[in-house]
Amino acid sequence: MATYELNTTAYANTNGNFFARLLQRVATWNEMRQTRIALMSLSDHELADIGLTHADIDAIVSGKLAR
């Protein structure tokens, strides 16, 4: 849903890749959180329009179910 571009090169050069990986994981977690919130706010009818149910949301957000 939301897109964040991170410039992790500056962090990778100073402290190995630790901070770059940490920052990327936080950004990924936040994107998954925002996607889940947005999908959960949709009604059953709106989800049906895009071929989903509320039961599909966790699998979609975690990447286990691709549509």
PDB file of N, CA and C in Angstrom:
ATOM      1  N   MET A   1       0.825  -1.183   0.000  1.00  0.00           N
ATOM      2  CA  MET A   1       0.000   0.000   0.000  1.00  0.00           C
ATOM      3  C   MET A   1       0.876   1.256   0.000  1.00  0.00           C
ATOM      4  N   ALA A   2       1.645   1.418   1.012  1.00  0.00           N
ATOM      5  CA  ALA A   2       2.523   2.585   1.082  1.00  0.00           C
ATOM      6  C   ALA A   2       3.912   2.175   0.629  1.00  0.00           C
ATOM      7  N   THR A   3       4.571   3.071  -0.026  1.00  0.00           N
ATOM      8  CA  THR A   3       5.906   2.766  -0.524  1.00  0.00           C
ATOM      9  C   THR A   3       6.906   3.700   0.120  1.00  0.00           C
ATOM     10  N   TYR A   4       7.957   3.127   0.628  1.00  0.00           N
ATOM     11  CA  TYR A   4       9.025   3.891   1.240  1.00  0.00           C
ATOM     12  C   TYR A   4      10.321   3.531   0.535  1.00  0.00           C
ATOM     13  N   GLU A   5      11.063   4.537   0.100  1.00  0.00           N
ATOM     14  CA  GLU A   5      12.362   4.282  -0.476  1.00  0.00           C
ATOM     15  C   GLU A   5      13.409   4.661   0.543  1.00  0.00           C
ATOM     16  N   LEU A   6      14.313   3.744   0.788  1.00  0.00           N
ATOM     17  CA  LEU A   6      15.330   3.974   1.792  1.00  0.00           C
ATOM     18  C   LEU A   6      16.697   3.950   1.132  1.00  0.00           C
ATOM     19  N   ASN A   7      17.517   4.901   1.489  1.00  0.00           N
ATOM     20  CA  ASN A   7      18.889   4.904   1.022  1.00  0.00           C
ATOM     21  C   ASN A   7      19.731   4.260   2.110  1.00  0.00           C
ATOM     22  N   THR A   8      19.970   2.964   1.959  1.00  0.00           N
ATOM     23  CA  THR A   8      20.676   2.231   3.001  1.00  0.00           C
ATOM     24  C   THR A   8      22.171   2.172   2.740  1.00  0.00           C
ATOM     25  N   THR A   9      22.649   2.711   1.634  1.00  0.00           N
ATOM     26  CA  THR A   9      24.075   2.628   1.312  1.00  0.00           C
ATOM     27  C   THR A   9      24.931   3.357   2.334  1.00  0.00           C
ATOM     28  N   ALA A  10      24.495   4.491   2.796  1.00  0.00           N
ATOM     29  CA  ALA A  10      25.276   5.255   3.766  1.00  0.00           C
ATOM     30  C   ALA A  10      25.450   4.454   5.051  1.00  0.00           C
ATOM     31  N   TYR A  11      24.419   3.756   5.475  1.00  0.00           N
ATOM     32  CA  TYR A  11      24.502   2.957   6.692  1.00  0.00           C
ATOM     33  C   TYR A  11      25.376   1.722   6.479  1.00  0.00           C
ATOM     34  N   ALA A  12      25.304   1.144   5.316  1.00  0.00           N
ATOM     35  CA  ALA A  12      26.067  -0.076   5.040  1.00  0.00           C
ATOM     36  C   ALA A  12      27.567   0.192   5.063  1.00  0.00           C
ATOM     37  N   ASN A  13      27.987   1.375   4.654  1.00  0.00           N
ATOM     38  CA  ASN A  13      29.411   1.678   4.600  1.00  0.00           C
ATOM     39  C   ASN A  13      30.014   1.900   5.978  1.00  0.00           C
ATOM     40  N   THR A  14      29.249   2.356   6.949  1.00  0.00           N
ATOM     41  CA  THR A  14      29.811   2.684   8.248  1.00  0.00           C
ATOM     42  C   THR A  14      29.774   1.525   9.239  1.00  0.00           C
ATOM     43  N   ASN A  15      28.754   0.747   9.241  1.00  0.00           N
ATOM     44  CA  ASN A  15      28.604  -0.314  10.239  1.00  0.00           C
ATOM     45  C   ASN A  15      28.291  -1.661   9.600  1.00  0.00           C
ATOM     46  N   GLY A  16      28.964  -1.985   8.544  1.00  0.00           N
ATOM     47  CA  GLY A  16      28.634  -3.226   7.857  1.00  0.00           C
ATOM     48  C   GLY A  16      27.232  -3.118   7.311  1.00  0.00           C
ATOM     49  N   ASN A  17      26.529  -4.197   7.298  1.00  0.00           N
ATOM     50  CA  ASN A  17      25.157  -4.167   6.793  1.00  0.00           C
ATOM     51  C   ASN A  17      24.126  -4.255   7.910  1.00  0.00           C
ATOM     52  N   PHE A  18      24.577  -4.256   9.152  1.00  0.00           N
ATOM     53  CA  PHE A  18      23.648  -4.433  10.268  1.00  0.00           C
ATOM     54  C   PHE A  18      22.543  -3.386  10.272  1.00  0.00           C
ATOM     55  N   PHE A  19      22.914  -2.119  10.250  1.00  0.00           N
ATOM     56  CA  PHE A  19      21.906  -1.064  10.326  1.00  0.00           C
ATOM     57  C   PHE A  19      21.064  -0.992   9.055  1.00  0.00           C
ATOM     58  N   ALA A  20      21.670  -1.289   7.920  1.00  0.00           N
ATOM     59  CA  ALA A  20      20.913  -1.306   6.668  1.00  0.00           C
ATOM     60  C   ALA A  20      19.854  -2.397   6.709  1.00  0.00           C
ATOM     61  N   ARG A  21      20.241  -3.582   7.190  1.00  0.00           N
ATOM     62  CA  ARG A  21      19.278  -4.689   7.282  1.00  0.00           C
ATOM     63  C   ARG A  21      18.202  -4.388   8.322  1.00  0.00           C
ATOM     64  N   LEU A  22      18.605  -3.817   9.436  1.00  0.00           N
ATOM     65  CA  LEU A  22      17.638  -3.459  10.471  1.00  0.00           C
ATOM     66  C   LEU A  22      16.630  -2.440   9.952  1.00  0.00           C
ATOM     67  N   LEU A  23      17.121  -1.427   9.285  1.00  0.00           N
ATOM     68  CA  LEU A  23      16.240  -0.399   8.734  1.00  0.00           C
ATOM     69  C   LEU A  23      15.294  -0.986   7.694  1.00  0.00           C
ATOM     70  N   GLN A  24      15.795  -1.890   6.868  1.00  0.00           N
ATOM     71  CA  GLN A  24      14.953  -2.517   5.850  1.00  0.00           C
ATOM     72  C   GLN A  24      13.884  -3.392   6.496  1.00  0.00           C
ATOM     73  N   ARG A  25      14.246  -4.114   7.554  1.00  0.00           N
ATOM     74  CA  ARG A  25      13.255  -4.952   8.244  1.00  0.00           C
ATOM     75  C   ARG A  25      12.165  -4.115   8.896  1.00  0.00           C
ATOM     76  N   VAL A  26      12.543  -3.010   9.485  1.00  0.00           N
ATOM     77  CA  VAL A  26      11.548  -2.121  10.097  1.00  0.00           C
ATOM     78  C   VAL A  26      10.618  -1.554   9.021  1.00  0.00           C
ATOM     79  N   ALA A  27      11.181  -1.161   7.891  1.00  0.00           N
ATOM     80  CA  ALA A  27      10.369  -0.621   6.803  1.00  0.00           C
ATOM     81  C   ALA A  27       9.421  -1.685   6.246  1.00  0.00           C
ATOM     82  N   THR A  28       9.906  -2.916   6.107  1.00  0.00           N
ATOM     83  CA  THR A  28       9.064  -4.004   5.615  1.00  0.00           C
ATOM     84  C   THR A  28       7.945  -4.302   6.598  1.00  0.00           C
ATOM     85  N   TRP A  29       8.287  -4.373   7.899  1.00  0.00           N
ATOM     86  CA  TRP A  29       7.278  -4.609   8.924  1.00  0.00           C
ATOM     87  C   TRP A  29       6.209  -3.521   8.890  1.00  0.00           C
ATOM     88  N   ASN A  30       6.617  -2.266   8.749  1.00  0.00           N
ATOM     89  CA  ASN A  30       5.664  -1.163   8.744  1.00  0.00           C
ATOM     90  C   ASN A  30       4.765  -1.226   7.512  1.00  0.00           C
ATOM     91  N   GLU A  31       5.329  -1.592   6.373  1.00  0.00           N
ATOM     92  CA  GLU A  31       4.510  -1.706   5.160  1.00  0.00           C
ATOM     93  C   GLU A  31       3.479  -2.823   5.319  1.00  0.00           C
ATOM     94  N   MET A  32       3.886  -3.956   5.882  1.00  0.00           N
ATOM     95  CA  MET A  32       2.947  -5.051   6.127  1.00  0.00           C
ATOM     96  C   MET A  32       1.855  -4.623   7.104  1.00  0.00           C
ATOM     97  N   ARG A  33       2.233  -3.886   8.130  1.00  0.00           N
ATOM     98  CA  ARG A  33       1.276  -3.402   9.127  1.00  0.00           C
ATOM     99  C   ARG A  33       0.248  -2.470   8.486  1.00  0.00           C
ATOM    100  N   GLN A  34       0.726  -1.543   7.658  1.00  0.00           N
ATOM    101  CA  GLN A  34      -0.179  -0.596   7.004  1.00  0.00           C
ATOM    102  C   GLN A  34      -1.095  -1.301   6.001  1.00  0.00           C
ATOM    103  N   THR A  35      -0.562  -2.280   5.294  1.00  0.00           N
ATOM    104  CA  THR A  35      -1.375  -3.039   4.341  1.00  0.00           C
ATOM    105  C   THR A  35      -2.470  -3.797   5.075  1.00  0.00           C
ATOM    106  N   ARG A  36      -2.102  -4.457   6.178  1.00  0.00           N
ATOM    107  CA  ARG A  36      -3.088  -5.204   6.967  1.00  0.00           C
ATOM    108  C   ARG A  36      -4.187  -4.268   7.478  1.00  0.00           C
ATOM    109  N   ILE A  37      -3.816  -3.105   7.990  1.00  0.00           N
ATOM    110  CA  ILE A  37      -4.795  -2.138   8.499  1.00  0.00           C
ATOM    111  C   ILE A  37      -5.740  -1.694   7.380  1.00  0.00           C
ATOM    112  N   ALA A  38      -5.171  -1.402   6.212  1.00  0.00           N
ATOM    113  CA  ALA A  38      -6.000  -0.947   5.085  1.00  0.00           C
ATOM    114  C   ALA A  38      -6.963  -2.039   4.631  1.00  0.00           C
ATOM    115  N   LEU A  39      -6.478  -3.279   4.526  1.00  0.00           N
ATOM    116  CA  LEU A  39      -7.359  -4.366   4.091  1.00  0.00           C
ATOM    117  C   LEU A  39      -8.423  -4.686   5.132  1.00  0.00           C
ATOM    118  N   MET A  40      -8.052  -4.631   6.411  1.00  0.00           N
ATOM    119  CA  MET A  40      -9.034  -4.925   7.460  1.00  0.00           C
ATOM    120  C   MET A  40     -10.131  -3.862   7.526  1.00  0.00           C
ATOM    121  N   SER A  41      -9.849  -2.674   7.032  1.00  0.00           N
ATOM    122  CA  SER A  41     -10.861  -1.617   7.079  1.00  0.00           C
ATOM    123  C   SER A  41     -11.896  -1.750   5.954  1.00  0.00           C
ATOM    124  N   LEU A  42     -11.639  -2.632   5.005  1.00  0.00           N
ATOM    125  CA  LEU A  42     -12.588  -2.833   3.905  1.00  0.00           C
ATOM    126  C   LEU A  42     -13.745  -3.724   4.352  1.00  0.00           C
ATOM    127  N   SER A  43     -14.890  -3.483   3.762  1.00  0.00           N
ATOM    128  CA  SER A  43     -16.059  -4.313   4.072  1.00  0.00           C
ATOM    129  C   SER A  43     -15.951  -5.642   3.315  1.00  0.00           C
ATOM    130  N   ASP A  44     -16.814  -6.585   3.683  1.00  0.00           N
ATOM    131  CA  ASP A  44     -16.841  -7.879   2.996  1.00  0.00           C
ATOM    132  C   ASP A  44     -17.122  -7.697   1.507  1.00  0.00           C
ATOM    133  N   HIS A  45     -18.014  -6.783   1.193  1.00  0.00           N
ATOM    134  CA  HIS A  45     -18.368  -6.521  -0.205  1.00  0.00           C
ATOM    135  C   HIS A  45     -17.169  -5.957  -0.974  1.00  0.00           C
ATOM    136  N   GLU A  46     -16.461  -5.014  -0.373  1.00  0.00           N
ATOM    137  CA  GLU A  46     -15.290  -4.423  -1.033  1.00  0.00           C
ATOM    138  C   GLU A  46     -14.188  -5.464  -1.228  1.00  0.00           C
ATOM    139  N   LEU A  47     -13.981  -6.315  -0.237  1.00  0.00           N
ATOM    140  CA  LEU A  47     -12.987  -7.378  -0.380  1.00  0.00           C
ATOM    141  C   LEU A  47     -13.399  -8.367  -1.465  1.00  0.00           C
ATOM    142  N   ALA A  48     -14.687  -8.681  -1.524  1.00  0.00           N
ATOM    143  CA  ALA A  48     -15.175  -9.609  -2.562  1.00  0.00           C
ATOM    144  C   ALA A  48     -14.936  -9.043  -3.952  1.00  0.00           C
ATOM    145  N   ASP A  49     -15.031  -7.726  -4.080  1.00  0.00           N
ATOM    146  CA  ASP A  49     -14.781  -7.088  -5.382  1.00  0.00           C
ATOM    147  C   ASP A  49     -13.365  -7.334  -5.878  1.00  0.00           C
ATOM    148  N   ILE A  50     -12.415  -7.489  -4.957  1.00  0.00           N
ATOM    149  CA  ILE A  50     -11.030  -7.739  -5.370  1.00  0.00           C
ATOM    150  C   ILE A  50     -10.645  -9.209  -5.178  1.00  0.00           C
ATOM    151  N   GLY A  51     -11.650 -10.035  -4.912  1.00  0.00           N
ATOM    152  CA  GLY A  51     -11.433 -11.470  -4.825  1.00  0.00           C
ATOM    153  C   GLY A  51     -10.810 -11.952  -3.542  1.00  0.00           C
ATOM    154  N   LEU A  52     -11.060 -11.257  -2.438  1.00  0.00           N
ATOM    155  CA  LEU A  52     -10.503 -11.633  -1.141  1.00  0.00           C
ATOM    156  C   LEU A  52     -11.595 -11.771  -0.101  1.00  0.00           C
ATOM    157  N   THR A  53     -11.243 -12.417   0.997  1.00  0.00           N
ATOM    158  CA  THR A  53     -12.087 -12.446   2.187  1.00  0.00           C
ATOM    159  C   THR A  53     -11.225 -11.984   3.355  1.00  0.00           C
ATOM    160  N   HIS A  54     -11.850 -11.732   4.476  1.00  0.00           N
ATOM    161  CA  HIS A  54     -11.077 -11.330   5.657  1.00  0.00           C
ATOM    162  C   HIS A  54     -10.118 -12.446   6.084  1.00  0.00           C
ATOM    163  N   ALA A  55     -10.479 -13.692   5.798  1.00  0.00           N
ATOM    164  CA  ALA A  55      -9.615 -14.822   6.156  1.00  0.00           C
ATOM    165  C   ALA A  55      -8.324 -14.833   5.327  1.00  0.00           C
ATOM    166  N   ASP A  56      -8.327 -14.200   4.162  1.00  0.00           N
ATOM    167  CA  ASP A  56      -7.150 -14.173   3.286  1.00  0.00           C
ATOM    168  C   ASP A  56      -6.132 -13.109   3.673  1.00  0.00           C
ATOM    169  N   ILE A  57      -6.505 -12.157   4.484  1.00  0.00           N
ATOM    170  CA  ILE A  57      -5.671 -10.972   4.711  1.00  0.00           C
ATOM    171  C   ILE A  57      -4.304 -11.311   5.295  1.00  0.00           C
ATOM    172  N   ASP A  58      -4.248 -12.124   6.331  1.00  0.00           N
ATOM    173  CA  ASP A  58      -2.952 -12.456   6.935  1.00  0.00           C
ATOM    174  C   ASP A  58      -2.041 -13.166   5.942  1.00  0.00           C
ATOM    175  N   ALA A  59      -2.601 -14.077   5.152  1.00  0.00           N
ATOM    176  CA  ALA A  59      -1.793 -14.789   4.169  1.00  0.00           C
ATOM    177  C   ALA A  59      -1.303 -13.845   3.077  1.00  0.00           C
ATOM    178  N   ILE A  60      -2.125 -12.914   2.661  1.00  0.00           N
ATOM    179  CA  ILE A  60      -1.723 -11.950   1.634  1.00  0.00           C
ATOM    180  C   ILE A  60      -0.611 -11.070   2.163  1.00  0.00           C
ATOM    181  N   VAL A  61      -0.767 -10.538   3.353  1.00  0.00           N
ATOM    182  CA  VAL A  61       0.205  -9.620   3.931  1.00  0.00           C
ATOM    183  C   VAL A  61       1.550 -10.312   4.165  1.00  0.00           C
ATOM    184  N   SER A  62       1.525 -11.553   4.609  1.00  0.00           N
ATOM    185  CA  SER A  62       2.774 -12.268   4.883  1.00  0.00           C
ATOM    186  C   SER A  62       3.405 -12.842   3.633  1.00  0.00           C
ATOM    187  N   GLY A  63       2.719 -12.759   2.500  1.00  0.00           N
ATOM    188  CA  GLY A  63       3.282 -13.237   1.238  1.00  0.00           C
ATOM    189  C   GLY A  63       3.066 -14.721   0.995  1.00  0.00           C
ATOM    190  N   LYS A  64       2.290 -15.365   1.835  1.00  0.00           N
ATOM    191  CA  LYS A  64       2.047 -16.795   1.674  1.00  0.00           C
ATOM    192  C   LYS A  64       0.977 -17.094   0.626  1.00  0.00           C
ATOM    193  N   LEU A  65       0.178 -16.095   0.299  1.00  0.00           N
ATOM    194  CA  LEU A  65      -0.887 -16.267  -0.683  1.00  0.00           C
ATOM    195  C   LEU A  65      -0.762 -15.158  -1.695  1.00  0.00           C
ATOM    196  N   ALA A  66      -0.445 -15.508  -2.910  1.00  0.00           N
ATOM    197  CA  ALA A  66      -0.321 -14.504  -3.982  1.00  0.00           C
ATOM    198  C   ALA A  66      -1.525 -14.611  -4.888  1.00  0.00           C
ATOM    199  N   ARG A  67      -2.067 -13.500  -5.219  1.00  0.00           N
ATOM    200  CA  ARG A  67      -3.225 -13.485  -6.125  1.00  0.00           C
ATOM    201  C   ARG A  67      -2.885 -12.703  -7.349  1.00  0.00           C
TER     202      ARG A  67
END
